[in-house]
PDB file of N, CA and C in Angstrom:
ATOM      1  N   MET A   1      15.469   9.409  -7.933  1.00  0.00           N
ATOM      2  CA  MET A   1      15.724  10.089  -6.655  1.00  0.00           C
ATOM      3  C   MET A   1      15.350  11.548  -6.834  1.00  0.00           C
ATOM      4  N   THR A   2      15.664  12.149  -7.946  1.00  0.00           N
ATOM      5  CA  THR A   2      15.298  13.555  -8.200  1.00  0.00           C
ATOM      6  C   THR A   2      13.803  13.778  -7.982  1.00  0.00           C
ATOM      7  N   ALA A   3      12.990  12.907  -8.652  1.00  0.00           N
ATOM      8  CA  ALA A   3      11.541  13.028  -8.505  1.00  0.00           C
ATOM      9  C   ALA A   3      11.133  12.841  -7.054  1.00  0.00           C
ATOM     10  N   GLU A   4      11.723  11.912  -6.341  1.00  0.00           N
ATOM     11  CA  GLU A   4      11.386  11.744  -4.939  1.00  0.00           C
ATOM     12  C   GLU A   4      11.770  12.955  -4.131  1.00  0.00           C
ATOM     13  N   LYS A   5      12.919  13.536  -4.374  1.00  0.00           N
ATOM     14  CA  LYS A   5      13.332  14.793  -3.649  1.00  0.00           C
ATOM     15  C   LYS A   5      12.351  15.894  -3.967  1.00  0.00           C
ATOM     16  N   HIS A   6      11.933  16.085  -5.141  1.00  0.00           N
ATOM     17  CA  HIS A   6      10.915  17.050  -5.490  1.00  0.00           C
ATOM     18  C   HIS A   6       9.654  16.816  -4.700  1.00  0.00           C
ATOM     19  N   ALA A   7       9.141  15.551  -4.711  1.00  0.00           N
ATOM     20  CA  ALA A   7       7.914  15.298  -3.993  1.00  0.00           C
ATOM     21  C   ALA A   7       8.030  15.553  -2.498  1.00  0.00           C
ATOM     22  N   MET A   8       9.272  15.276  -1.912  1.00  0.00           N
ATOM     23  CA  MET A   8       9.439  15.542  -0.546  1.00  0.00           C
ATOM     24  C   MET A   8       9.471  17.097  -0.219  1.00  0.00           C
ATOM     25  N   SER A   9       9.720  17.916  -1.226  1.00  0.00           N
ATOM     26  CA  SER A   9       9.742  19.319  -1.038  1.00  0.00           C
ATOM     27  C   SER A   9       8.317  19.908  -0.993  1.00  0.00           C
ATOM     28  N   LEU A  10       7.324  19.129  -1.369  1.00  0.00           N
ATOM     29  CA  LEU A  10       5.920  19.577  -1.416  1.00  0.00           C
ATOM     30  C   LEU A  10       5.342  19.365  -0.057  1.00  0.00           C
ATOM     31  N   ASP A  11       4.311  20.089   0.215  1.00  0.00           N
ATOM     32  CA  ASP A  11       3.651  19.978   1.502  1.00  0.00           C
ATOM     33  C   ASP A  11       2.603  18.858   1.481  1.00  0.00           C
ATOM     34  N   VAL A  12       3.060  17.613   1.539  1.00  0.00           N
ATOM     35  CA  VAL A  12       2.214  16.464   1.457  1.00  0.00           C
ATOM     36  C   VAL A  12       2.519  15.546   2.636  1.00  0.00           C
ATOM     37  N   ASP A  13       1.549  14.742   2.965  1.00  0.00           N
ATOM     38  CA  ASP A  13       1.710  13.776   4.105  1.00  0.00           C
ATOM     39  C   ASP A  13       2.338  12.460   3.710  1.00  0.00           C
ATOM     40  N   VAL A  14       2.004  12.057   2.459  1.00  0.00           N
ATOM     41  CA  VAL A  14       2.402  10.741   2.007  1.00  0.00           C
ATOM     42  C   VAL A  14       2.916  10.801   0.576  1.00  0.00           C
ATOM     43  N   ILE A  15       3.976  10.133   0.247  1.00  0.00           N
ATOM     44  CA  ILE A  15       4.485   9.976  -1.057  1.00  0.00           C
ATOM     45  C   ILE A  15       4.557   8.463  -1.352  1.00  0.00           C
ATOM     46  N   ILE A  16       3.922   7.997  -2.423  1.00  0.00           N
ATOM     47  CA  ILE A  16       3.959   6.623  -2.788  1.00  0.00           C
ATOM     48  C   ILE A  16       4.756   6.489  -4.077  1.00  0.00           C
ATOM     49  N   CYS A  17       5.772   5.564  -4.031  1.00  0.00           N
ATOM     50  CA  CYS A  17       6.573   5.262  -5.201  1.00  0.00           C
ATOM     51  C   CYS A  17       6.369   3.808  -5.584  1.00  0.00           C
ATOM     52  N   ASP A  18       6.280   3.555  -6.842  1.00  0.00           N
ATOM     53  CA  ASP A  18       6.105   2.165  -7.267  1.00  0.00           C
ATOM     54  C   ASP A  18       7.465   1.471  -7.451  1.00  0.00           C
ATOM     55  N   ARG A  19       8.555   2.182  -7.300  1.00  0.00           N
ATOM     56  CA  ARG A  19       9.885   1.608  -7.413  1.00  0.00           C
ATOM     57  C   ARG A  19      10.798   2.360  -6.403  1.00  0.00           C
ATOM     58  N   THR A  20      11.842   1.706  -5.964  1.00  0.00           N
ATOM     59  CA  THR A  20      12.828   2.411  -5.165  1.00  0.00           C
ATOM     60  C   THR A  20      14.003   2.759  -6.041  1.00  0.00           C
ATOM     61  N   VAL A  21      14.983   3.521  -5.472  1.00  0.00           N
ATOM     62  CA  VAL A  21      16.130   3.836  -6.247  1.00  0.00           C
ATOM     63  C   VAL A  21      16.982   2.604  -6.613  1.00  0.00           C
ATOM     64  N   MET A  22      16.745   1.525  -5.890  1.00  0.00           N
ATOM     65  CA  MET A  22      17.483   0.272  -6.166  1.00  0.00           C
ATOM     66  C   MET A  22      17.039  -0.403  -7.478  1.00  0.00           C
ATOM     67  N   ASP A  23      15.820  -0.212  -7.853  1.00  0.00           N
ATOM     68  CA  ASP A  23      15.219  -0.982  -9.035  1.00  0.00           C
ATOM     69  C   ASP A  23      16.076  -0.788 -10.255  1.00  0.00           C
ATOM     70  N   ASN A  24      16.315   0.449 -10.633  1.00  0.00           N
ATOM     71  CA  ASN A  24      17.113   0.672 -11.854  1.00  0.00           C
ATOM     72  C   ASN A  24      18.497   0.092 -11.772  1.00  0.00           C
ATOM     73  N   LEU A  25      19.049   0.106 -10.509  1.00  0.00           N
ATOM     74  CA  LEU A  25      20.418  -0.382 -10.349  1.00  0.00           C
ATOM     75  C   LEU A  25      20.462  -1.907 -10.593  1.00  0.00           C
ATOM     76  N   MET A  26      19.456  -2.624 -10.297  1.00  0.00           N
ATOM     77  CA  MET A  26      19.442  -4.079 -10.505  1.00  0.00           C
ATOM     78  C   MET A  26      19.447  -4.380 -12.011  1.00  0.00           C
ATOM     79  N   TYR A  27      18.674  -3.654 -12.748  1.00  0.00           N
ATOM     80  CA  TYR A  27      18.659  -3.812 -14.205  1.00  0.00           C
ATOM     81  C   TYR A  27      19.962  -3.359 -14.864  1.00  0.00           C
ATOM     82  N   TYR A  28      20.512  -2.277 -14.341  1.00  0.00           N
ATOM     83  CA  TYR A  28      21.825  -1.752 -14.782  1.00  0.00           C
ATOM     84  C   TYR A  28      22.872  -2.785 -14.558  1.00  0.00           C
ATOM     85  N   LEU A  29      22.921  -3.369 -13.359  1.00  0.00           N
ATOM     86  CA  LEU A  29      23.870  -4.431 -13.082  1.00  0.00           C
ATOM     87  C   LEU A  29      23.764  -5.589 -14.024  1.00  0.00           C
ATOM     88  N   ASN A  30      22.558  -5.975 -14.334  1.00  0.00           N
ATOM     89  CA  ASN A  30      22.371  -7.071 -15.250  1.00  0.00           C
ATOM     90  C   ASN A  30      22.929  -6.696 -16.633  1.00  0.00           C
ATOM     91  N   VAL A  31      22.737  -5.421 -17.144  1.00  0.00           N
ATOM     92  CA  VAL A  31      23.267  -5.058 -18.384  1.00  0.00           C
ATOM     93  C   VAL A  31      24.797  -5.092 -18.325  1.00  0.00           C
ATOM     94  N   ILE A  32      25.395  -4.595 -17.275  1.00  0.00           N
ATOM     95  CA  ILE A  32      26.841  -4.671 -17.107  1.00  0.00           C
ATOM     96  C   ILE A  32      27.364  -6.144 -17.182  1.00  0.00           C
ATOM     97  N   GLU A  33      26.746  -7.000 -16.398  1.00  0.00           N
ATOM     98  CA  GLU A  33      27.191  -8.372 -16.363  1.00  0.00           C
ATOM     99  C   GLU A  33      26.925  -9.169 -17.624  1.00  0.00           C
ATOM    100  N   GLN A  34      25.977  -8.772 -18.422  1.00  0.00           N
ATOM    101  CA  GLN A  34      25.643  -9.482 -19.645  1.00  0.00           C
ATOM    102  C   GLN A  34      26.506  -9.051 -20.858  1.00  0.00           C
ATOM    103  N   HIS A  35      27.116  -7.937 -20.744  1.00  0.00           N
ATOM    104  CA  HIS A  35      27.983  -7.445 -21.927  1.00  0.00           C
ATOM    105  C   HIS A  35      29.406  -7.721 -21.619  1.00  0.00           C
ATOM    106  N   VAL A  36      30.126  -8.096 -22.642  1.00  0.00           N
ATOM    107  CA  VAL A  36      31.536  -8.353 -22.491  1.00  0.00           C
ATOM    108  C   VAL A  36      32.287  -6.979 -22.732  1.00  0.00           C
ATOM    109  N   PHE A  37      32.831  -6.492 -21.693  1.00  0.00           N
ATOM    110  CA  PHE A  37      33.587  -5.254 -21.819  1.00  0.00           C
ATOM    111  C   PHE A  37      35.080  -5.569 -21.772  1.00  0.00           C
ATOM    112  N   MET A  38      35.855  -4.693 -22.417  1.00  0.00           N
ATOM    113  CA  MET A  38      37.294  -4.814 -22.247  1.00  0.00           C
ATOM    114  C   MET A  38      37.571  -4.566 -20.755  1.00  0.00           C
ATOM    115  N   HIS A  39      38.604  -5.121 -20.225  1.00  0.00           N
ATOM    116  CA  HIS A  39      38.882  -5.118 -18.783  1.00  0.00           C
ATOM    117  C   HIS A  39      38.781  -3.652 -18.212  1.00  0.00           C
ATOM    118  N   GLU A  40      39.442  -2.750 -18.849  1.00  0.00           N
ATOM    119  CA  GLU A  40      39.489  -1.374 -18.322  1.00  0.00           C
ATOM    120  C   GLU A  40      38.079  -0.745 -18.344  1.00  0.00           C
ATOM    121  N   GLU A  41      37.350  -0.995 -19.448  1.00  0.00           N
ATOM    122  CA  GLU A  41      35.983  -0.437 -19.523  1.00  0.00           C
ATOM    123  C   GLU A  41      35.104  -1.074 -18.495  1.00  0.00           C
ATOM    124  N   TYR A  42      35.124  -2.420 -18.263  1.00  0.00           N
ATOM    125  CA  TYR A  42      34.358  -3.100 -17.263  1.00  0.00           C
ATOM    126  C   TYR A  42      34.658  -2.499 -15.923  1.00  0.00           C
ATOM    127  N   ALA A  43      35.909  -2.422 -15.562  1.00  0.00           N
ATOM    128  CA  ALA A  43      36.252  -1.897 -14.239  1.00  0.00           C
ATOM    129  C   ALA A  43      35.752  -0.454 -14.028  1.00  0.00           C
ATOM    130  N   LYS A  44      35.735   0.416 -15.063  1.00  0.00           N
ATOM    131  CA  LYS A  44      35.212   1.761 -14.916  1.00  0.00           C
ATOM    132  C   LYS A  44      33.723   1.708 -14.682  1.00  0.00           C
ATOM    133  N   VAL A  45      32.996   0.865 -15.503  1.00  0.00           N
ATOM    134  CA  VAL A  45      31.583   0.846 -15.366  1.00  0.00           C
ATOM    135  C   VAL A  45      31.100   0.228 -14.053  1.00  0.00           C
ATOM    136  N   ILE A  46      31.804  -0.810 -13.667  1.00  0.00           N
ATOM    137  CA  ILE A  46      31.358  -1.470 -12.385  1.00  0.00           C
ATOM    138  C   ILE A  46      31.670  -0.542 -11.141  1.00  0.00           C
ATOM    139  N   ARG A  47      32.752   0.220 -11.254  1.00  0.00           N
ATOM    140  CA  ARG A  47      33.055   1.162 -10.206  1.00  0.00           C
ATOM    141  C   ARG A  47      31.934   2.213 -10.137  1.00  0.00           C
ATOM    142  N   ARG A  48      31.481   2.725 -11.307  1.00  0.00           N
ATOM    143  CA  ARG A  48      30.422   3.628 -11.330  1.00  0.00           C
ATOM    144  C   ARG A  48      29.111   3.068 -10.704  1.00  0.00           C
ATOM    145  N   TRP A  49      28.894   1.752 -11.022  1.00  0.00           N
ATOM    146  CA  TRP A  49      27.659   1.079 -10.435  1.00  0.00           C
ATOM    147  C   TRP A  49      27.736   1.120  -8.928  1.00  0.00           C
ATOM    148  N   TRP A  50      28.956   0.719  -8.377  1.00  0.00           N
ATOM    149  CA  TRP A  50      29.104   0.639  -6.922  1.00  0.00           C
ATOM    150  C   TRP A  50      28.900   2.035  -6.353  1.00  0.00           C
ATOM    151  N   GLY A  51      29.361   3.092  -6.987  1.00  0.00           N
ATOM    152  CA  GLY A  51      29.161   4.426  -6.451  1.00  0.00           C
ATOM    153  C   GLY A  51      27.659   4.767  -6.422  1.00  0.00           C
ATOM    154  N   LEU A  52      26.896   4.431  -7.506  1.00  0.00           N
ATOM    155  CA  LEU A  52      25.464   4.626  -7.485  1.00  0.00           C
ATOM    156  C   LEU A  52      24.770   3.773  -6.420  1.00  0.00           C
ATOM    157  N   TYR A  53      25.264   2.509  -6.269  1.00  0.00           N
ATOM    158  CA  TYR A  53      24.717   1.649  -5.252  1.00  0.00           C
ATOM    159  C   TYR A  53      24.886   2.246  -3.866  1.00  0.00           C
ATOM    160  N   ASP A  54      26.116   2.785  -3.568  1.00  0.00           N
ATOM    161  CA  ASP A  54      26.328   3.392  -2.283  1.00  0.00           C
ATOM    162  C   ASP A  54      25.406   4.562  -2.019  1.00  0.00           C
ATOM    163  N   GLU A  55      25.176   5.354  -3.074  1.00  0.00           N
ATOM    164  CA  GLU A  55      24.231   6.459  -2.948  1.00  0.00           C
ATOM    165  C   GLU A  55      22.815   6.019  -2.674  1.00  0.00           C
ATOM    166  N   ALA A  56      22.439   4.914  -3.378  1.00  0.00           N
ATOM    167  CA  ALA A  56      21.087   4.343  -3.184  1.00  0.00           C
ATOM    168  C   ALA A  56      20.970   3.767  -1.737  1.00  0.00           C
ATOM    169  N   VAL A  57      21.962   3.142  -1.203  1.00  0.00           N
ATOM    170  CA  VAL A  57      22.026   2.629   0.132  1.00  0.00           C
ATOM    171  C   VAL A  57      21.736   3.723   1.102  1.00  0.00           C
ATOM    172  N   ARG A  58      22.397   4.836   0.873  1.00  0.00           N
ATOM    173  CA  ARG A  58      22.202   5.990   1.803  1.00  0.00           C
ATOM    174  C   ARG A  58      20.777   6.595   1.677  1.00  0.00           C
ATOM    175  N   TRP A  59      20.150   6.413   0.543  1.00  0.00           N
ATOM    176  CA  TRP A  59      18.824   6.931   0.253  1.00  0.00           C
ATOM    177  C   TRP A  59      17.714   6.030   0.890  1.00  0.00           C
ATOM    178  N   MET A  60      17.982   4.746   0.909  1.00  0.00           N
ATOM    179  CA  MET A  60      16.934   3.750   1.309  1.00  0.00           C
ATOM    180  C   MET A  60      16.254   4.116   2.640  1.00  0.00           C
ATOM    181  N   PRO A  61      16.956   4.660   3.638  1.00  0.00           N
ATOM    182  CA  PRO A  61      16.245   5.009   4.931  1.00  0.00           C
ATOM    183  C   PRO A  61      15.163   6.058   4.792  1.00  0.00           C
ATOM    184  N   THR A  62      15.120   6.784   3.620  1.00  0.00           N
ATOM    185  CA  THR A  62      14.069   7.773   3.446  1.00  0.00           C
ATOM    186  C   THR A  62      12.711   7.107   3.239  1.00  0.00           C
ATOM    187  N   TYR A  63      12.657   5.811   2.981  1.00  0.00           N
ATOM    188  CA  TYR A  63      11.393   5.102   2.767  1.00  0.00           C
ATOM    189  C   TYR A  63      10.944   4.583   4.120  1.00  0.00           C
ATOM    190  N   ASP A  64       9.702   4.859   4.420  1.00  0.00           N
ATOM    191  CA  ASP A  64       9.104   4.321   5.619  1.00  0.00           C
ATOM    192  C   ASP A  64       8.748   2.844   5.489  1.00  0.00           C
ATOM    193  N   ARG A  65       8.332   2.549   4.260  1.00  0.00           N
ATOM    194  CA  ARG A  65       7.951   1.132   3.992  1.00  0.00           C
ATOM    195  C   ARG A  65       8.580   0.737   2.593  1.00  0.00           C
ATOM    196  N   VAL A  66       9.098  -0.471   2.542  1.00  0.00           N
ATOM    197  CA  VAL A  66       9.486  -1.042   1.262  1.00  0.00           C
ATOM    198  C   VAL A  66       8.807  -2.406   1.178  1.00  0.00           C
ATOM    199  N   ILE A  67       7.962  -2.511   0.171  1.00  0.00           N
ATOM    200  CA  ILE A  67       7.176  -3.730   0.014  1.00  0.00           C
ATOM    201  C   ILE A  67       7.657  -4.370  -1.291  1.00  0.00           C
ATOM    202  N   ARG A  68       8.039  -5.642  -1.225  1.00  0.00           N
ATOM    203  CA  ARG A  68       8.491  -6.324  -2.361  1.00  0.00           C
ATOM    204  C   ARG A  68       7.495  -7.469  -2.741  1.00  0.00           C
ATOM    205  N   MET A  69       6.990  -7.323  -3.948  1.00  0.00           N
ATOM    206  CA  MET A  69       6.061  -8.354  -4.440  1.00  0.00           C
ATOM    207  C   MET A  69       6.854  -9.564  -4.838  1.00  0.00           C
ATOM    208  N   PRO A  70       6.262 -10.775  -4.626  1.00  0.00           N
ATOM    209  CA  PRO A  70       6.954 -12.013  -5.093  1.00  0.00           C
ATOM    210  C   PRO A  70       6.959 -12.103  -6.602  1.00  0.00           C
ATOM    211  N   LEU A  71       7.959 -12.791  -7.122  1.00  0.00           N
ATOM    212  CA  LEU A  71       8.027 -12.996  -8.553  1.00  0.00           C
ATOM    213  C   LEU A  71       6.785 -13.708  -9.033  1.00  0.00           C
ATOM    214  N   ASN A  72       6.148 -13.149 -10.031  1.00  0.00           N
ATOM    215  CA  ASN A  72       4.945 -13.683 -10.637  1.00  0.00           C
ATOM    216  C   ASN A  72       5.212 -14.002 -12.077  1.00  0.00           C
ATOM    217  N   LEU A  73       5.575 -15.244 -12.362  1.00  0.00           N
ATOM    218  CA  LEU A  73       5.926 -15.616 -13.744  1.00  0.00           C
ATOM    219  C   LEU A  73       4.761 -15.580 -14.714  1.00  0.00           C
ATOM    220  N   GLU A  74       3.526 -15.617 -14.177  1.00  0.00           N
ATOM    221  CA  GLU A  74       2.354 -15.440 -15.043  1.00  0.00           C
ATOM    222  C   GLU A  74       2.275 -14.149 -15.736  1.00  0.00           C
ATOM    223  N   TRP A  75       2.866 -13.078 -15.061  1.00  0.00           N
ATOM    224  CA  TRP A  75       2.951 -11.786 -15.696  1.00  0.00           C
ATOM    225  C   TRP A  75       3.777 -11.786 -16.957  1.00  0.00           C
ATOM    226  N   LEU A  76       4.695 -12.720 -17.114  1.00  0.00           N
ATOM    227  CA  LEU A  76       5.462 -12.783 -18.304  1.00  0.00           C
ATOM    228  C   LEU A  76       4.636 -13.055 -19.571  1.00  0.00           C
ATOM    229  N   GLN A  77       3.493 -13.671 -19.345  1.00  0.00           N
ATOM    230  CA  GLN A  77       2.580 -13.989 -20.432  1.00  0.00           C
ATOM    231  C   GLN A  77       1.690 -12.851 -20.873  1.00  0.00           C
ATOM    232  N   ALA A  78       1.708 -11.756 -20.091  1.00  0.00           N
ATOM    233  CA  ALA A  78       0.849 -10.624 -20.420  1.00  0.00           C
ATOM    234  C   ALA A  78       1.229 -10.008 -21.795  1.00  0.00           C
ATOM    235  N   ASP A  79       0.246  -9.421 -22.434  1.00  0.00           N
ATOM    236  CA  ASP A  79       0.505  -8.775 -23.710  1.00  0.00           C
ATOM    237  C   ASP A  79       1.129  -7.412 -23.397  1.00  0.00           C
ATOM    238  N   ASP A  80       2.444  -7.447 -23.286  1.00  0.00           N
ATOM    239  CA  ASP A  80       3.219  -6.197 -22.946  1.00  0.00           C
ATOM    240  C   ASP A  80       4.482  -6.194 -23.793  1.00  0.00           C
ATOM    241  N   PRO A  81       4.530  -5.313 -24.780  1.00  0.00           N
ATOM    242  CA  PRO A  81       5.661  -5.287 -25.715  1.00  0.00           C
ATOM    243  C   PRO A  81       6.972  -4.801 -25.061  1.00  0.00           C
ATOM    244  N   VAL A  82       6.872  -4.221 -23.857  1.00  0.00           N
ATOM    245  CA  VAL A  82       8.060  -3.704 -23.256  1.00  0.00           C
ATOM    246  C   VAL A  82       8.830  -4.709 -22.390  1.00  0.00           C
ATOM    247  N   ARG A  83       8.101  -5.496 -21.609  1.00  0.00           N
ATOM    248  CA  ARG A  83       8.704  -6.462 -20.742  1.00  0.00           C
ATOM    249  C   ARG A  83       9.156  -7.729 -21.406  1.00  0.00           C
ATOM    250  N   PRO A  84      10.360  -8.179 -21.116  1.00  0.00           N
ATOM    251  CA  PRO A  84      10.856  -9.425 -21.654  1.00  0.00           C
ATOM    252  C   PRO A  84      10.039 -10.589 -21.230  1.00  0.00           C
ATOM    253  N   LYS A  85       9.929 -11.689 -21.996  1.00  0.00           N
ATOM    254  CA  LYS A  85       9.140 -12.858 -21.664  1.00  0.00           C
ATOM    255  C   LYS A  85      10.054 -13.949 -21.107  1.00  0.00           C
ATOM    256  N   ASP A  86      11.264 -13.728 -21.028  1.00  0.00           N
ATOM    257  CA  ASP A  86      12.316 -14.704 -20.594  1.00  0.00           C
ATOM    258  C   ASP A  86      12.260 -15.052 -19.090  1.00  0.00           C
ATOM    259  N   GLU A  87      11.869 -16.278 -18.774  1.00  0.00           N
ATOM    260  CA  GLU A  87      11.696 -16.712 -17.398  1.00  0.00           C
ATOM    261  C   GLU A  87      13.036 -16.694 -16.727  1.00  0.00           C
ATOM    262  N   GLU A  88      14.055 -17.106 -17.402  1.00  0.00           N
ATOM    263  CA  GLU A  88      15.445 -17.102 -16.753  1.00  0.00           C
ATOM    264  C   GLU A  88      15.905 -15.714 -16.363  1.00  0.00           C
ATOM    265  N   TYR A  89      15.608 -14.754 -17.273  1.00  0.00           N
ATOM    266  CA  TYR A  89      15.917 -13.348 -17.049  1.00  0.00           C
ATOM    267  C   TYR A  89      15.148 -12.859 -15.829  1.00  0.00           C
ATOM    268  N   ALA A  90      13.873 -13.191 -15.725  1.00  0.00           N
ATOM    269  CA  ALA A  90      13.073 -12.751 -14.599  1.00  0.00           C
ATOM    270  C   ALA A  90      13.618 -13.306 -13.255  1.00  0.00           C
ATOM    271  N   ARG A  91      14.007 -14.571 -13.323  1.00  0.00           N
ATOM    272  CA  ARG A  91      14.540 -15.195 -12.114  1.00  0.00           C
ATOM    273  C   ARG A  91      15.886 -14.554 -11.730  1.00  0.00           C
ATOM    274  N   TRP A  92      16.734 -14.209 -12.699  1.00  0.00           N
ATOM    275  CA  TRP A  92      17.971 -13.574 -12.476  1.00  0.00           C
ATOM    276  C   TRP A  92      17.776 -12.195 -11.778  1.00  0.00           C
ATOM    277  N   ILE A  93      16.934 -11.422 -12.353  1.00  0.00           N
ATOM    278  CA  ILE A  93      16.621 -10.073 -11.770  1.00  0.00           C
ATOM    279  C   ILE A  93      16.073 -10.252 -10.373  1.00  0.00           C
ATOM    280  N   ASP A  94      15.194 -11.216 -10.136  1.00  0.00           N
ATOM    281  CA  ASP A  94      14.626 -11.508  -8.819  1.00  0.00           C
ATOM    282  C   ASP A  94      15.827 -11.838  -7.803  1.00  0.00           C
ATOM    283  N   LEU A  95      16.754 -12.604  -8.302  1.00  0.00           N
ATOM    284  CA  LEU A  95      17.912 -12.970  -7.492  1.00  0.00           C
ATOM    285  C   LEU A  95      18.724 -11.744  -7.120  1.00  0.00           C
ATOM    286  N   LEU A  96      18.894 -10.851  -8.022  1.00  0.00           N
ATOM    287  CA  LEU A  96      19.654  -9.602  -7.759  1.00  0.00           C
ATOM    288  C   LEU A  96      18.895  -8.836  -6.635  1.00  0.00           C
ATOM    289  N   PHE A  97      17.611  -8.815  -6.700  1.00  0.00           N
ATOM    290  CA  PHE A  97      16.810  -8.159  -5.621  1.00  0.00           C
ATOM    291  C   PHE A  97      17.006  -8.872  -4.292  1.00  0.00           C
ATOM    292  N   ASP A  98      17.089 -10.249  -4.353  1.00  0.00           N
ATOM    293  CA  ASP A  98      17.345 -10.984  -3.103  1.00  0.00           C
ATOM    294  C   ASP A  98      18.685 -10.526  -2.505  1.00  0.00           C
ATOM    295  N   ILE A  99      19.727 -10.377  -3.366  1.00  0.00           N
ATOM    296  CA  ILE A  99      21.068 -10.064  -2.850  1.00  0.00           C
ATOM    297  C   ILE A  99      21.173  -8.618  -2.424  1.00  0.00           C
ATOM    298  N   TYR A 100      20.705  -7.725  -3.193  1.00  0.00           N
ATOM    299  CA  TYR A 100      20.951  -6.329  -2.894  1.00  0.00           C
ATOM    300  C   TYR A 100      19.883  -5.504  -2.294  1.00  0.00           C
ATOM    301  N   VAL A 101      18.612  -5.961  -2.371  1.00  0.00           N
ATOM    302  CA  VAL A 101      17.484  -5.104  -1.956  1.00  0.00           C
ATOM    303  C   VAL A 101      16.701  -5.719  -0.757  1.00  0.00           C
ATOM    304  N   GLN A 102      16.708  -6.984  -0.667  1.00  0.00           N
ATOM    305  CA  GLN A 102      15.796  -7.634   0.281  1.00  0.00           C
ATOM    306  C   GLN A 102      16.010  -7.159   1.699  1.00  0.00           C
ATOM    307  N   ARG A 103      17.196  -6.798   2.074  1.00  0.00           N
ATOM    308  CA  ARG A 103      17.532  -6.294   3.385  1.00  0.00           C
ATOM    309  C   ARG A 103      16.752  -5.041   3.781  1.00  0.00           C
ATOM    310  N   TYR A 104      16.252  -4.302   2.786  1.00  0.00           N
ATOM    311  CA  TYR A 104      15.566  -3.047   3.036  1.00  0.00           C
ATOM    312  C   TYR A 104      14.020  -3.245   3.021  1.00  0.00           C
ATOM    313  N   VAL A 105      13.582  -4.423   2.770  1.00  0.00           N
ATOM    314  CA  VAL A 105      12.121  -4.640   2.743  1.00  0.00           C
ATOM    315  C   VAL A 105      11.601  -4.623   4.144  1.00  0.00           C
ATOM    316  N   THR A 106      10.480  -3.900   4.337  1.00  0.00           N
ATOM    317  CA  THR A 106       9.891  -3.699   5.678  1.00  0.00           C
ATOM    318  C   THR A 106       8.514  -4.342   5.754  1.00  0.00           C
ATOM    319  N   GLY A 107       7.978  -4.738   4.673  1.00  0.00           N
ATOM    320  CA  GLY A 107       6.605  -5.382   4.689  1.00  0.00           C
ATOM    321  C   GLY A 107       6.267  -6.142   3.521  1.00  0.00           C
TER     322      GLY A 107
END
């Protein structure tokens, strides 16, 4: 969001982002849900997530277009040492996007 705010301060006609503020939140939520936290710690972390999510929801209207590409499981086979190859993980993240981000997709 900081980089997007900076770009908005420049005298440009178009800003193209390859991710929205929601993207990192989906992966963050996955990390939270996959780790076993003590009850107090989990509650603190998930409250923080919801605060960030609320901020992201308020930011989403700054995008004129949000385009979501369909899940492409063939990409999991690419020679990419950063991205996980786990199909179940990819489907889970895609489901999180269905739940939390799809409503903002415009094209």
